[in-house]
C-alpha atoms as a PDB file:
ATOM      1  CA  MET A   1      70.218 107.453 147.361  1.00  0.00           C
ATOM      2  CA  SER A   2      70.860 110.125 144.744  1.00  0.00           C
ATOM      3  CA  LEU A   3      69.046 110.157 141.435  1.00  0.00           C
ATOM      4  CA  ALA A   4      72.314 109.729 139.511  1.00  0.00           C
ATOM      5  CA  ARG A   5      73.231 106.671 141.578  1.00  0.00           C
ATOM      6  CA  LYS A   6      69.805 105.120 141.027  1.00  0.00           C
ATOM      7  CA  PHE A   7      70.107 105.780 137.306  1.00  0.00           C
ATOM      8  CA  LEU A   8      73.582 104.225 137.033  1.00  0.00           C
ATOM      9  CA  LEU A   9      72.527 101.185 139.058  1.00  0.00           C
ATOM     10  CA  ALA A  10      69.513 100.707 136.799  1.00  0.00           C
ATOM     11  CA  LEU A  11      71.752 100.895 133.732  1.00  0.00           C
ATOM     12  CA  SER A  12      74.166  98.367 135.221  1.00  0.00           C
ATOM     13  CA  THR A  13      71.435  95.729 135.421  1.00  0.00           C
ATOM     14  CA  ASN A  14      69.829  96.443 132.058  1.00  0.00           C
ATOM     15  CA  ARG A  15      70.248  93.342 129.881  1.00  0.00           C
ATOM     16  CA  TRP A  16      69.416  95.126 126.611  1.00  0.00           C
ATOM     17  CA  LEU A  17      72.034  97.812 127.237  1.00  0.00           C
ATOM     18  CA  ARG A  18      74.677  95.287 128.311  1.00  0.00           C
ATOM     19  CA  GLU A  19      74.231  93.222 125.171  1.00  0.00           C
ATOM     20  CA  ARG A  20      74.623  96.247 122.918  1.00  0.00           C
ATOM     21  CA  ALA A  21      77.037  98.532 124.751  1.00  0.00           C
ATOM     22  CA  THR A  22      79.704  95.890 125.260  1.00  0.00           C
ATOM     23  CA  LYS A  23      79.909  95.390 121.504  1.00  0.00           C
ATOM     24  CA  THR A  24      80.565  99.041 120.610  1.00  0.00           C
ATOM     25  CA  ALA A  25      84.114 100.084 119.809  1.00  0.00           C
ATOM     26  CA  PHE A  26      83.895 103.144 122.063  1.00  0.00           C
ATOM     27  CA  VAL A  27      83.018 101.125 125.158  1.00  0.00           C
ATOM     28  CA  ARG A  28      85.572  98.404 124.441  1.00  0.00           C
ATOM     29  CA  ARG A  29      88.373 100.971 124.009  1.00  0.00           C
ATOM     30  CA  SER A  30      87.291 102.880 127.106  1.00  0.00           C
ATOM     31  CA  VAL A  31      87.444  99.917 129.463  1.00  0.00           C
ATOM     32  CA  SER A  32      90.242  97.851 127.918  1.00  0.00           C
ATOM     33  CA  THR A  33      92.916  99.339 130.180  1.00  0.00           C
ATOM     34  CA  PHE A  34      90.994  98.507 133.332  1.00  0.00           C
ATOM     35  CA  MET A  35      89.195  95.356 132.188  1.00  0.00           C
ATOM     36  CA  PRO A  36      91.182  93.680 129.408  1.00  0.00           C
ATOM     37  CA  GLY A  37      88.642  90.930 128.792  1.00  0.00           C
ATOM     38  CA  GLU A  38      86.175  88.528 130.287  1.00  0.00           C
ATOM     39  CA  ARG A  39      88.442  85.488 130.554  1.00  0.00           C
ATOM     40  CA  LEU A  40      91.340  84.738 132.889  1.00  0.00           C
ATOM     41  CA  GLU A  41      93.617  84.338 129.873  1.00  0.00           C
ATOM     42  CA  ASP A  42      92.840  87.922 128.806  1.00  0.00           C
ATOM     43  CA  ALA A  43      93.729  89.247 132.248  1.00  0.00           C
ATOM     44  CA  MET A  44      96.948  87.237 132.428  1.00  0.00           C
ATOM     45  CA  ALA A  45      98.070  88.447 128.995  1.00  0.00           C
ATOM     46  CA  ALA A  46      97.401  92.063 129.968  1.00  0.00           C
ATOM     47  CA  ALA A  47      99.256  91.600 133.270  1.00  0.00           C
ATOM     48  CA  ALA A  48     102.246  90.120 131.438  1.00  0.00           C
ATOM     49  CA  ALA A  49     102.300  93.090 129.055  1.00  0.00           C
ATOM     50  CA  GLN A  50     102.237  95.501 131.996  1.00  0.00           C
ATOM     51  CA  GLN A  51     104.973  93.563 133.791  1.00  0.00           C
ATOM     52  CA  ALA A  52     107.182  93.855 130.711  1.00  0.00           C
ATOM     53  CA  ARG A  53     106.860  97.634 131.117  1.00  0.00           C
ATOM     54  CA  GLY A  54     107.740  97.424 134.812  1.00  0.00           C
ATOM     55  CA  ILE A  55     104.167  98.023 135.953  1.00  0.00           C
ATOM     56  CA  GLY A  56     102.680  95.764 138.618  1.00  0.00           C
ATOM     57  CA  THR A  57      99.092  94.559 138.477  1.00  0.00           C
ATOM     58  CA  ILE A  58      96.444  93.234 140.808  1.00  0.00           C
ATOM     59  CA  LEU A  59      93.765  90.882 139.520  1.00  0.00           C
ATOM     60  CA  THR A  60      90.363  90.564 141.131  1.00  0.00           C
ATOM     61  CA  LYS A  61      87.361  88.447 140.244  1.00  0.00           C
ATOM     62  CA  LEU A  62      84.184  90.459 140.000  1.00  0.00           C
ATOM     63  CA  GLY A  63      81.075  88.653 141.122  1.00  0.00           C
ATOM     64  CA  GLU A  64      78.691  89.773 138.441  1.00  0.00           C
END
């Protein structure tokens, strides 16, 4: 496994980083297109907005 992969995997499981990074405006703006929220209602609202523009969506549940 590459060093970069190990580093990114370590970051992905870091509780301290998760609690802080997800609250920063930069991170929230960066991921909002791909992950509109943490609740089903957020995903459905984003899908409806995309559908209104003629863009299809696929929703998946991440097992985190």
